[in-house]
Amino acid sequence: MAQNTVTQSQNNKPAVVNYGIPDDYDHGIAQEDVKIPSIILMQKMTELMELDGRKWKAGQFYDMGTDTVLDKFDGLVVKYYLTTRLLGEKDPSTGRAEIVRFSSDGTHWDDNGEIIAQDEFKYREDGRFAKKTYHYLVLRKGCDMPAMVSYAKDVICRRW
């Protein structure tokens, strides 16, 4: 069956609906272009264009998918995973550090498959040490769309 058809069932009889989209049609959208909405724990220095002119305080959450500021929320954790990144020098114009190395499983560096050494997590004054991030794909109670909640420390997730 072509990718542009969907099988539907009416009275237990499968029917094929053809949307007439050519097989070679391409929107130019890659999987990495699609992002899951985030729920962000807001801090004093949080700067989001979406929050301009709105009242909020540190410790509240902002659900980007529903454009809602929350004091707390109930949610079901659908999936959990850990990543690690090693930051390099900060860009003077943005203040953001470049990512020198990345681990999509929190255990092995993606560039060469080596296990991340424990001493790479030790604090260094220059900020060049490996940092873990905990990611939770959650379905917030009352919402149809899942959202990603990410924290630098796993203990903070107990707030929601």
N, C-alpha and C. Protein backbone atom coordinates (compact mmCIF):
# COMPACT_ATOMS: atom_id res chain seq x y z
N MET A 1 0.84 -1.18 0.00
CA MET A 1 0.00 0.00 0.00
C MET A 1 0.89 1.24 0.00
N ALA A 2 0.56 2.25 -0.79
CA ALA A 2 1.34 3.48 -0.86
C ALA A 2 1.25 4.24 0.45
N GLN A 3 2.25 5.09 0.68
CA GLN A 3 2.29 5.85 1.93
C GLN A 3 1.18 6.89 2.03
N ASN A 4 0.58 7.26 0.93
CA ASN A 4 -0.43 8.31 0.97
C ASN A 4 -1.84 7.75 1.04
N THR A 5 -1.97 6.50 1.50
CA THR A 5 -3.29 5.91 1.69
C THR A 5 -3.45 5.49 3.13
N VAL A 6 -4.68 5.46 3.59
CA VAL A 6 -4.99 5.07 4.95
C VAL A 6 -6.11 4.03 4.89
N THR A 7 -5.93 2.94 5.61
CA THR A 7 -6.98 1.94 5.66
C THR A 7 -7.97 2.32 6.74
N GLN A 8 -9.23 2.37 6.37
CA GLN A 8 -10.29 2.69 7.31
C GLN A 8 -11.23 1.51 7.39
N SER A 9 -11.90 1.37 8.50
CA SER A 9 -12.82 0.25 8.66
C SER A 9 -14.23 0.78 8.86
N GLN A 10 -15.16 0.32 8.00
CA GLN A 10 -16.57 0.64 8.14
C GLN A 10 -17.31 -0.68 8.16
N ASN A 11 -18.02 -0.92 9.22
CA ASN A 11 -18.75 -2.18 9.36
C ASN A 11 -17.84 -3.39 9.15
N ASN A 12 -16.65 -3.31 9.70
CA ASN A 12 -15.65 -4.38 9.62
C ASN A 12 -15.18 -4.69 8.20
N LYS A 13 -15.45 -3.78 7.24
CA LYS A 13 -14.97 -3.96 5.88
C LYS A 13 -13.88 -2.93 5.63
N PRO A 14 -12.63 -3.38 5.43
CA PRO A 14 -11.57 -2.40 5.19
C PRO A 14 -11.78 -1.66 3.87
N ALA A 15 -11.55 -0.38 3.90
CA ALA A 15 -11.61 0.44 2.70
C ALA A 15 -10.33 1.25 2.62
N VAL A 16 -9.87 1.52 1.44
CA VAL A 16 -8.65 2.30 1.26
C VAL A 16 -9.04 3.68 0.76
N VAL A 17 -8.54 4.71 1.42
CA VAL A 17 -8.77 6.09 1.00
C VAL A 17 -7.48 6.59 0.39
N ASN A 18 -7.52 7.04 -0.84
CA ASN A 18 -6.34 7.56 -1.52
C ASN A 18 -6.43 9.08 -1.53
N TYR A 19 -5.43 9.73 -0.97
CA TYR A 19 -5.42 11.17 -0.88
C TYR A 19 -4.86 11.83 -2.13
N GLY A 20 -4.40 11.05 -3.10
CA GLY A 20 -3.92 11.59 -4.36
C GLY A 20 -2.59 12.30 -4.27
N ILE A 21 -1.80 11.99 -3.26
CA ILE A 21 -0.48 12.61 -3.09
C ILE A 21 0.53 11.78 -3.86
N PRO A 22 1.28 12.39 -4.78
CA PRO A 22 2.28 11.61 -5.53
C PRO A 22 3.31 10.97 -4.59
N ASP A 23 3.77 9.77 -4.92
CA ASP A 23 4.73 9.04 -4.07
C ASP A 23 6.03 9.80 -3.88
N ASP A 24 6.41 10.64 -4.85
CA ASP A 24 7.69 11.36 -4.75
C ASP A 24 7.52 12.76 -4.16
N TYR A 25 6.33 13.08 -3.63
CA TYR A 25 6.09 14.40 -3.06
C TYR A 25 6.85 14.56 -1.75
N ASP A 26 7.47 15.73 -1.55
CA ASP A 26 8.29 15.97 -0.36
C ASP A 26 8.07 17.41 0.11
N HIS A 27 7.72 17.56 1.38
CA HIS A 27 7.57 18.90 1.96
C HIS A 27 8.91 19.51 2.36
N GLY A 28 9.97 18.70 2.36
CA GLY A 28 11.26 19.20 2.81
C GLY A 28 11.36 19.26 4.32
N ILE A 29 10.51 18.54 5.03
CA ILE A 29 10.54 18.52 6.49
C ILE A 29 11.21 17.22 6.93
N ALA A 30 12.26 17.35 7.71
CA ALA A 30 12.97 16.19 8.24
C ALA A 30 12.49 15.91 9.66
N GLN A 31 12.73 14.70 10.14
CA GLN A 31 12.29 14.32 11.48
C GLN A 31 12.87 15.26 12.53
N GLU A 32 14.13 15.70 12.34
CA GLU A 32 14.74 16.58 13.33
C GLU A 32 14.14 17.98 13.33
N ASP A 33 13.32 18.31 12.32
CA ASP A 33 12.63 19.60 12.27
C ASP A 33 11.40 19.63 13.17
N VAL A 34 10.92 18.47 13.58
CA VAL A 34 9.71 18.38 14.39
C VAL A 34 10.12 18.24 15.85
N LYS A 35 9.66 19.14 16.69
CA LYS A 35 10.03 19.14 18.10
C LYS A 35 8.80 18.91 18.97
N ILE A 36 8.99 18.15 20.03
CA ILE A 36 7.93 17.92 21.00
C ILE A 36 7.87 19.16 21.90
N PRO A 37 6.68 19.68 22.19
CA PRO A 37 6.60 20.85 23.08
C PRO A 37 7.21 20.54 24.45
N SER A 38 7.76 21.56 25.06
CA SER A 38 8.42 21.41 26.37
C SER A 38 7.58 22.02 27.47
N ILE A 39 7.78 21.51 28.67
CA ILE A 39 7.28 22.15 29.89
C ILE A 39 8.53 22.62 30.61
N ILE A 40 8.63 23.92 30.83
CA ILE A 40 9.84 24.53 31.35
C ILE A 40 9.62 25.00 32.78
N LEU A 41 10.55 24.66 33.67
CA LEU A 41 10.55 25.21 35.02
C LEU A 41 11.17 26.60 34.92
N MET A 42 10.41 27.61 35.27
CA MET A 42 10.88 28.98 35.11
C MET A 42 11.72 29.42 36.30
N GLN A 43 12.79 30.12 35.97
CA GLN A 43 13.72 30.63 36.97
C GLN A 43 13.84 32.13 36.80
N LYS A 44 14.48 32.80 37.75
CA LYS A 44 14.59 34.27 37.71
C LYS A 44 15.11 34.78 36.38
N MET A 45 16.06 34.08 35.78
CA MET A 45 16.70 34.54 34.54
C MET A 45 16.03 34.01 33.28
N THR A 46 14.89 33.33 33.40
CA THR A 46 14.20 32.79 32.23
C THR A 46 13.75 33.92 31.32
N GLU A 47 14.12 33.82 30.05
CA GLU A 47 13.71 34.80 29.05
C GLU A 47 13.05 34.05 27.91
N LEU A 48 11.73 34.17 27.81
CA LEU A 48 10.98 33.57 26.72
C LEU A 48 10.10 34.63 26.09
N MET A 49 10.18 34.76 24.79
CA MET A 49 9.37 35.73 24.07
C MET A 49 7.87 35.48 24.33
N GLU A 50 7.49 34.21 24.48
CA GLU A 50 6.09 33.87 24.70
C GLU A 50 5.54 34.42 26.02
N LEU A 51 6.43 34.74 26.95
CA LEU A 51 6.00 35.22 28.27
C LEU A 51 6.05 36.74 28.41
N ASP A 52 6.46 37.44 27.34
CA ASP A 52 6.53 38.90 27.40
C ASP A 52 5.17 39.48 27.77
N GLY A 53 5.15 40.34 28.79
CA GLY A 53 3.93 41.00 29.22
C GLY A 53 3.03 40.15 30.11
N ARG A 54 3.44 38.94 30.42
CA ARG A 54 2.62 38.07 31.28
C ARG A 54 3.25 37.98 32.65
N LYS A 55 2.42 37.85 33.67
CA LYS A 55 2.93 37.72 35.03
C LYS A 55 3.25 36.26 35.31
N TRP A 56 4.43 36.02 35.84
CA TRP A 56 4.84 34.69 36.27
C TRP A 56 5.93 34.87 37.31
N LYS A 57 6.20 33.80 38.05
CA LYS A 57 7.26 33.87 39.06
C LYS A 57 8.12 32.62 38.99
N ALA A 58 9.32 32.74 39.49
CA ALA A 58 10.25 31.61 39.51
C ALA A 58 9.61 30.46 40.27
N GLY A 59 9.79 29.26 39.75
CA GLY A 59 9.22 28.08 40.38
C GLY A 59 7.95 27.60 39.70
N GLN A 60 7.35 28.46 38.86
CA GLN A 60 6.20 28.02 38.10
C GLN A 60 6.67 27.29 36.83
N PHE A 61 5.74 26.64 36.15
CA PHE A 61 6.04 25.93 34.92
C PHE A 61 5.36 26.62 33.75
N TYR A 62 5.99 26.55 32.60
CA TYR A 62 5.38 27.06 31.38
C TYR A 62 5.25 25.90 30.41
N ASP A 63 4.02 25.57 30.02
CA ASP A 63 3.74 24.51 29.06
C ASP A 63 3.67 25.17 27.69
N MET A 64 4.70 24.94 26.86
CA MET A 64 4.78 25.57 25.55
C MET A 64 3.70 25.05 24.60
N GLY A 65 3.27 23.81 24.79
CA GLY A 65 2.26 23.22 23.91
C GLY A 65 0.89 23.84 24.09
N THR A 66 0.55 24.21 25.32
CA THR A 66 -0.76 24.80 25.59
C THR A 66 -0.68 26.29 25.91
N ASP A 67 0.54 26.86 25.94
CA ASP A 67 0.76 28.27 26.26
C ASP A 67 0.15 28.62 27.62
N THR A 68 0.45 27.77 28.61
CA THR A 68 -0.13 27.91 29.94
C THR A 68 0.96 28.01 31.00
N VAL A 69 0.78 28.93 31.96
CA VAL A 69 1.66 29.02 33.12
C VAL A 69 0.98 28.25 34.25
N LEU A 70 1.74 27.34 34.88
CA LEU A 70 1.19 26.45 35.90
C LEU A 70 1.98 26.54 37.19
N ASP A 71 1.30 26.43 38.33
CA ASP A 71 2.00 26.33 39.61
C ASP A 71 2.52 24.91 39.80
N LYS A 72 1.71 23.94 39.38
CA LYS A 72 2.08 22.53 39.44
C LYS A 72 1.21 21.80 38.43
N PHE A 73 1.51 20.53 38.18
CA PHE A 73 0.68 19.75 37.27
C PHE A 73 0.80 18.27 37.58
N ASP A 74 -0.21 17.53 37.20
CA ASP A 74 -0.20 16.07 37.30
C ASP A 74 0.06 15.54 35.90
N GLY A 75 0.87 14.49 35.83
CA GLY A 75 1.17 13.92 34.54
C GLY A 75 1.63 12.48 34.65
N LEU A 76 1.49 11.79 33.54
CA LEU A 76 1.93 10.41 33.43
C LEU A 76 3.25 10.39 32.67
N VAL A 77 4.29 9.78 33.25
CA VAL A 77 5.57 9.66 32.57
C VAL A 77 5.45 8.53 31.55
N VAL A 78 5.55 8.87 30.28
CA VAL A 78 5.44 7.91 29.18
C VAL A 78 6.80 7.28 28.89
N LYS A 79 7.86 8.09 28.92
CA LYS A 79 9.21 7.60 28.63
C LYS A 79 10.20 8.48 29.38
N TYR A 80 11.30 7.86 29.79
CA TYR A 80 12.37 8.58 30.49
C TYR A 80 13.69 8.26 29.79
N TYR A 81 14.55 9.24 29.65
CA TYR A 81 15.90 8.96 29.16
C TYR A 81 16.87 10.01 29.68
N LEU A 82 18.13 9.69 29.58
CA LEU A 82 19.21 10.52 30.11
C LEU A 82 20.15 10.88 28.98
N THR A 83 20.61 12.12 28.94
CA THR A 83 21.65 12.54 28.00
C THR A 83 22.78 13.19 28.79
N THR A 84 23.93 13.28 28.16
CA THR A 84 25.09 13.94 28.77
C THR A 84 25.73 14.82 27.72
N ARG A 85 26.23 15.98 28.13
CA ARG A 85 26.94 16.85 27.20
C ARG A 85 28.16 17.44 27.88
N LEU A 86 29.19 17.64 27.09
CA LEU A 86 30.41 18.29 27.55
C LEU A 86 30.49 19.60 26.80
N LEU A 87 30.49 20.70 27.55
CA LEU A 87 30.47 22.02 26.95
C LEU A 87 31.87 22.57 26.73
N GLY A 88 32.02 23.35 25.69
CA GLY A 88 33.28 24.02 25.38
C GLY A 88 33.20 25.48 25.79
N GLU A 89 33.90 26.31 25.04
CA GLU A 89 33.94 27.74 25.35
C GLU A 89 32.62 28.41 25.03
N LYS A 90 32.33 29.49 25.78
CA LYS A 90 31.11 30.26 25.55
C LYS A 90 31.30 31.21 24.37
N ASP A 91 30.25 31.36 23.60
CA ASP A 91 30.23 32.32 22.50
C ASP A 91 30.04 33.70 23.13
N PRO A 92 30.94 34.65 22.90
CA PRO A 92 30.83 35.96 23.54
C PRO A 92 29.54 36.71 23.18
N SER A 93 29.00 36.48 21.99
CA SER A 93 27.81 37.21 21.58
C SER A 93 26.53 36.64 22.17
N THR A 94 26.45 35.32 22.36
CA THR A 94 25.22 34.71 22.88
C THR A 94 25.33 34.29 24.33
N GLY A 95 26.56 34.06 24.82
CA GLY A 95 26.75 33.58 26.18
C GLY A 95 26.52 32.09 26.32
N ARG A 96 26.22 31.42 25.21
CA ARG A 96 25.99 29.98 25.23
C ARG A 96 27.27 29.24 24.85
N ALA A 97 27.50 28.15 25.56
CA ALA A 97 28.69 27.34 25.29
C ALA A 97 28.39 26.33 24.18
N GLU A 98 29.38 26.06 23.37
CA GLU A 98 29.20 25.04 22.33
C GLU A 98 29.25 23.65 22.97
N ILE A 99 28.58 22.70 22.36
CA ILE A 99 28.61 21.33 22.84
C ILE A 99 29.77 20.63 22.13
N VAL A 100 30.78 20.23 22.92
CA VAL A 100 31.97 19.59 22.38
C VAL A 100 31.73 18.10 22.18
N ARG A 101 31.07 17.46 23.14
CA ARG A 101 30.74 16.03 23.06
C ARG A 101 29.33 15.83 23.57
N PHE A 102 28.67 14.79 23.03
CA PHE A 102 27.29 14.51 23.41
C PHE A 102 27.09 13.01 23.56
N SER A 103 26.26 12.64 24.52
CA SER A 103 25.90 11.24 24.72
C SER A 103 24.38 11.13 24.73
N SER A 104 23.83 10.39 23.79
CA SER A 104 22.37 10.24 23.71
C SER A 104 21.84 9.18 24.68
N ASP A 105 22.75 8.40 25.31
CA ASP A 105 22.29 7.40 26.29
C ASP A 105 22.79 7.70 27.70
N GLY A 106 23.58 8.77 27.88
CA GLY A 106 24.08 9.14 29.19
C GLY A 106 25.22 8.28 29.70
N THR A 107 25.66 7.31 28.91
CA THR A 107 26.70 6.37 29.32
C THR A 107 27.90 6.36 28.39
N HIS A 108 27.64 6.44 27.08
CA HIS A 108 28.70 6.38 26.06
C HIS A 108 28.70 7.67 25.25
N TRP A 109 29.91 8.16 24.92
CA TRP A 109 30.00 9.32 24.03
C TRP A 109 29.58 8.88 22.63
N ASP A 110 28.73 9.67 21.98
CA ASP A 110 28.24 9.33 20.65
C ASP A 110 29.34 9.35 19.59
N ASP A 111 30.36 10.21 19.75
CA ASP A 111 31.38 10.35 18.71
C ASP A 111 32.29 9.14 18.56
N ASN A 112 32.56 8.41 19.67
CA ASN A 112 33.47 7.27 19.55
C ASN A 112 33.02 6.03 20.33
N GLY A 113 31.89 6.11 21.03
CA GLY A 113 31.35 4.96 21.74
C GLY A 113 32.01 4.66 23.08
N GLU A 114 33.00 5.47 23.49
CA GLU A 114 33.68 5.24 24.77
C GLU A 114 32.72 5.49 25.94
N ILE A 115 32.92 4.73 27.00
CA ILE A 115 32.16 4.94 28.23
C ILE A 115 32.63 6.25 28.85
N ILE A 116 31.68 7.06 29.34
CA ILE A 116 32.02 8.34 29.95
C ILE A 116 32.70 8.07 31.29
N ALA A 117 33.93 8.56 31.44
CA ALA A 117 34.68 8.37 32.69
C ALA A 117 34.06 9.21 33.81
N GLN A 118 34.02 8.67 35.02
CA GLN A 118 33.41 9.37 36.15
C GLN A 118 34.10 10.70 36.44
N ASP A 119 35.42 10.79 36.21
CA ASP A 119 36.10 12.06 36.50
C ASP A 119 35.71 13.16 35.51
N GLU A 120 35.06 12.80 34.40
CA GLU A 120 34.59 13.82 33.45
C GLU A 120 33.41 14.61 34.02
N PHE A 121 32.76 14.09 35.07
CA PHE A 121 31.64 14.78 35.70
C PHE A 121 32.09 15.71 36.83
N LYS A 122 33.37 15.64 37.21
CA LYS A 122 33.86 16.47 38.32
C LYS A 122 33.87 17.94 37.92
N TYR A 123 33.42 18.79 38.86
CA TYR A 123 33.34 20.23 38.61
C TYR A 123 34.71 20.82 38.31
N ARG A 124 34.75 21.67 37.29
CA ARG A 124 35.96 22.41 36.94
C ARG A 124 35.58 23.89 36.83
N GLU A 125 36.45 24.75 37.29
CA GLU A 125 36.20 26.19 37.30
C GLU A 125 35.84 26.73 35.92
N ASP A 126 36.45 26.18 34.87
CA ASP A 126 36.20 26.69 33.52
C ASP A 126 34.88 26.20 32.94
N GLY A 127 34.15 25.37 33.69
CA GLY A 127 32.85 24.88 33.24
C GLY A 127 32.92 23.73 32.28
N ARG A 128 34.10 23.22 32.01
CA ARG A 128 34.27 22.12 31.05
C ARG A 128 34.23 20.78 31.78
N PHE A 129 33.03 20.38 32.11
CA PHE A 129 32.84 19.07 32.71
C PHE A 129 31.51 18.53 32.18
N ALA A 130 31.38 17.22 32.16
CA ALA A 130 30.19 16.57 31.63
C ALA A 130 28.99 16.84 32.54
N LYS A 131 27.85 17.10 31.91
CA LYS A 131 26.63 17.41 32.66
C LYS A 131 25.51 16.50 32.18
N LYS A 132 24.82 15.89 33.14
CA LYS A 132 23.69 15.01 32.82
C LYS A 132 22.41 15.82 32.75
N THR A 133 21.51 15.42 31.85
CA THR A 133 20.17 16.00 31.78
C THR A 133 19.18 14.85 31.74
N TYR A 134 18.17 14.94 32.59
CA TYR A 134 17.13 13.92 32.69
C TYR A 134 15.91 14.40 31.91
N HIS A 135 15.40 13.56 31.03
CA HIS A 135 14.29 13.93 30.16
C HIS A 135 13.10 13.01 30.44
N TYR A 136 11.92 13.61 30.57
CA TYR A 136 10.70 12.86 30.82
C TYR A 136 9.67 13.26 29.76
N LEU A 137 9.22 12.29 28.97
CA LEU A 137 8.10 12.53 28.07
C LEU A 137 6.86 12.28 28.89
N VAL A 138 6.05 13.32 29.10
CA VAL A 138 4.89 13.21 29.98
C VAL A 138 3.61 13.55 29.24
N LEU A 139 2.54 12.97 29.69
CA LEU A 139 1.21 13.34 29.23
C LEU A 139 0.55 14.04 30.41
N ARG A 140 0.44 15.37 30.27
CA ARG A 140 -0.13 16.17 31.35
C ARG A 140 -1.62 15.92 31.44
N LYS A 141 -2.10 15.75 32.66
CA LYS A 141 -3.52 15.48 32.88
C LYS A 141 -4.36 16.57 32.22
N GLY A 142 -5.33 16.13 31.42
CA GLY A 142 -6.22 17.06 30.74
C GLY A 142 -5.72 17.51 29.38
N CYS A 143 -4.56 17.04 28.94
CA CYS A 143 -3.99 17.42 27.64
C CYS A 143 -3.90 16.22 26.71
N ASP A 144 -4.08 16.47 25.43
CA ASP A 144 -3.99 15.41 24.44
C ASP A 144 -2.59 15.22 23.89
N MET A 145 -1.75 16.26 23.99
CA MET A 145 -0.42 16.20 23.41
C MET A 145 0.64 16.01 24.50
N PRO A 146 1.56 15.07 24.31
CA PRO A 146 2.62 14.91 25.30
C PRO A 146 3.59 16.08 25.24
N ALA A 147 4.37 16.25 26.29
CA ALA A 147 5.36 17.31 26.37
C ALA A 147 6.62 16.74 27.01
N MET A 148 7.74 17.39 26.75
CA MET A 148 9.03 16.96 27.29
C MET A 148 9.40 17.86 28.47
N VAL A 149 9.71 17.23 29.60
CA VAL A 149 10.19 17.93 30.78
C VAL A 149 11.64 17.51 30.98
N SER A 150 12.56 18.48 31.01
CA SER A 150 13.98 18.17 31.16
C SER A 150 14.55 18.93 32.34
N TYR A 151 15.41 18.24 33.10
CA TYR A 151 16.04 18.83 34.28
C TYR A 151 17.50 18.45 34.33
N ALA A 152 18.28 19.32 34.94
CA ALA A 152 19.69 19.02 35.15
C ALA A 152 19.87 18.03 36.30
N LYS A 153 18.94 17.99 37.21
CA LYS A 153 19.02 17.04 38.33
C LYS A 153 17.69 16.32 38.43
N ASP A 154 17.74 15.01 38.66
CA ASP A 154 16.50 14.24 38.67
C ASP A 154 15.63 14.48 39.90
N VAL A 155 16.18 15.03 40.97
CA VAL A 155 15.38 15.22 42.19
C VAL A 155 14.31 16.30 42.02
N ILE A 156 14.51 17.22 41.11
CA ILE A 156 13.57 18.34 40.95
C ILE A 156 12.23 17.88 40.38
N CYS A 157 12.19 16.74 39.69
CA CYS A 157 10.94 16.29 39.08
C CYS A 157 9.89 15.95 40.13
N ARG A 158 10.26 15.82 41.36
CA ARG A 158 9.29 15.52 42.41
C ARG A 158 8.35 16.68 42.66
N ARG A 159 8.68 17.88 42.16
CA ARG A 159 7.83 19.05 42.34
C ARG A 159 6.53 18.91 41.60
N TRP A 160 6.54 18.26 40.46
CA TRP A 160 5.31 18.16 39.68
C TRP A 160 4.72 16.84 39.92
